[in-house]
Amino acid sequence: MGIKRLDDLVAFKEAVAFKVEVYALVRRSAGADRDFRYRDQLFDAASSVEANIAEGWRRFAAPDMIRFLRYATGSLEEARVRLLDGVDRGYFTREACDGALVHAARCGAATTNLIKSLERFRK
């Protein structure tokens, strides 16, 4: 039958869950929340994942969607690395990040699988 709505796409749902977890982690850490440059870069990367998946979804053509899904995976990796940098900075513990990192891994896997499935329709 296929996915009819963006909100039903696993990659998108996991991207949103990742972003929300990241926002909550930063808000709970006074140091991270006050480090405006760090916070803004992390928030931009985390929010870019779902935004790029959504933009690709609206492009309809497989090559365009694949391009935006690849942007999303790049943003996801940037956000994941920045989140772990927050551990190095002492803003969070690794354990506190585990929920977000699980969503990141699921989002990455779902996005990669979606790219693979769309490559069959590439012209």
Protein backbone atom coordinates (compact mmCIF):
# COMPACT_ATOMS: atom_id res chain seq x y z
CA MET A 1 0.00 0.00 0.00
CA GLY A 2 2.80 2.45 0.82
CA ILE A 3 3.18 5.43 3.10
CA LYS A 4 0.66 8.16 2.41
CA ARG A 5 1.61 10.72 5.07
CA LEU A 6 4.95 12.13 6.13
CA ASP A 7 4.01 11.57 9.78
CA ASP A 8 3.80 7.82 9.13
CA LEU A 9 7.37 7.61 7.84
CA VAL A 10 9.57 5.91 10.45
CA ALA A 11 12.60 8.04 9.54
CA PHE A 12 10.58 11.22 10.10
CA LYS A 13 9.08 10.03 13.40
CA GLU A 14 12.54 9.11 14.70
CA ALA A 15 13.96 12.45 13.51
CA VAL A 16 11.30 14.31 15.47
CA ALA A 17 11.88 12.13 18.56
CA PHE A 18 15.64 12.74 18.30
CA LYS A 19 15.16 16.51 18.03
CA VAL A 20 12.80 16.62 21.01
CA GLU A 21 15.24 14.56 23.13
CA VAL A 22 18.10 16.89 22.17
CA TYR A 23 16.07 19.97 23.09
CA ALA A 24 15.17 18.45 26.46
CA LEU A 25 18.78 17.49 27.23
CA VAL A 26 20.03 20.98 26.51
CA ARG A 27 17.25 22.64 28.51
CA ARG A 28 18.10 20.45 31.53
CA SER A 29 21.77 21.47 31.39
CA ALA A 30 22.42 25.02 32.50
CA GLY A 31 25.88 24.93 30.93
CA ALA A 32 24.67 23.73 27.53
CA ASP A 33 21.69 26.08 27.56
CA ARG A 34 23.92 29.09 28.30
CA ASP A 35 26.54 28.15 25.70
CA PHE A 36 24.63 29.88 22.95
CA ARG A 37 26.95 28.96 20.10
CA TYR A 38 27.00 25.27 21.08
CA ARG A 39 23.26 25.19 21.73
CA ASP A 40 22.35 26.92 18.48
CA GLN A 41 24.60 24.69 16.38
CA LEU A 42 23.22 21.55 18.01
CA PHE A 43 19.62 22.73 17.68
CA ASP A 44 20.16 23.70 14.03
CA ALA A 45 21.64 20.30 13.18
CA ALA A 46 18.97 18.37 15.10
CA SER A 47 16.08 20.29 13.55
CA SER A 48 17.60 20.04 10.08
CA VAL A 49 17.17 16.26 10.07
CA GLU A 50 13.37 16.36 10.11
CA ALA A 51 13.27 19.46 7.90
CA ASN A 52 15.30 17.75 5.16
CA ILE A 53 13.23 14.57 5.35
CA ALA A 54 10.09 16.68 5.04
CA GLU A 55 11.47 18.68 2.13
CA GLY A 56 12.51 15.51 0.33
CA TRP A 57 9.06 14.04 0.92
CA ARG A 58 7.44 17.00 -0.85
CA ARG A 59 9.79 16.75 -3.82
CA PHE A 60 8.01 13.55 -4.94
CA ALA A 61 10.67 12.52 -7.50
CA ALA A 62 13.00 9.80 -6.20
CA PRO A 63 16.30 11.54 -7.13
CA ASP A 64 15.23 14.73 -5.34
CA MET A 65 14.01 12.86 -2.30
CA ILE A 66 17.24 10.87 -2.13
CA ARG A 67 19.28 14.08 -2.22
CA PHE A 68 17.36 15.54 0.74
CA LEU A 69 17.50 12.27 2.65
CA ARG A 70 21.27 12.38 2.28
CA TYR A 71 21.28 15.93 3.62
CA ALA A 72 19.24 14.61 6.55
CA THR A 73 21.77 11.87 7.29
CA GLY A 74 24.56 14.44 7.20
CA SER A 75 22.71 16.67 9.65
CA LEU A 76 21.95 13.67 11.83
CA GLU A 77 25.62 12.79 12.06
CA GLU A 78 26.53 16.40 12.80
CA ALA A 79 23.94 16.56 15.60
CA ARG A 80 25.05 13.20 17.01
CA VAL A 81 28.70 14.31 17.12
CA ARG A 82 27.78 17.66 18.66
CA LEU A 83 25.69 15.88 21.29
CA LEU A 84 28.67 13.71 22.20
CA ASP A 85 30.81 16.85 22.28
CA GLY A 86 28.42 18.02 25.01
CA VAL A 87 29.48 14.96 27.01
CA ASP A 88 33.13 15.93 26.51
CA ARG A 89 32.34 19.48 27.63
CA GLY A 90 30.71 18.16 30.79
CA TYR A 91 27.21 19.33 29.88
CA PHE A 92 25.69 15.82 29.89
CA THR A 93 26.57 12.31 30.88
CA ARG A 94 26.76 9.68 28.18
CA GLU A 95 23.88 7.86 29.89
CA ALA A 96 21.71 10.97 29.72
CA CYS A 97 22.24 11.01 25.94
CA ASP A 98 21.33 7.36 25.41
CA GLY A 99 17.66 8.01 24.55
CA ALA A 100 18.56 10.60 21.93
CA LEU A 101 21.29 8.37 20.53
CA VAL A 102 18.85 5.46 20.17
CA HIS A 103 16.51 7.70 18.18
CA ALA A 104 19.48 8.87 16.09
CA ALA A 105 20.46 5.28 15.28
CA ARG A 106 16.89 4.34 14.37
CA CYS A 107 16.50 7.46 12.25
CA GLY A 108 19.77 6.78 10.46
CA ALA A 109 18.86 3.18 9.73
CA ALA A 110 15.35 4.05 8.54
CA THR A 111 16.65 6.88 6.35
CA THR A 112 19.35 4.67 4.82
CA ASN A 113 16.79 1.96 4.09
CA LEU A 114 14.48 4.51 2.51
CA ILE A 115 17.31 5.76 0.29
CA LYS A 116 18.05 2.19 -0.81
CA SER A 117 14.40 1.57 -1.64
CA LEU A 118 14.14 4.80 -3.63
CA GLU A 119 17.27 4.08 -5.65
CA ARG A 120 15.27 1.44 -7.53
CA PHE A 121 13.11 4.25 -8.98
CA ARG A 122 15.96 6.51 -9.99
CA LYS A 123 15.95 7.48 -13.64
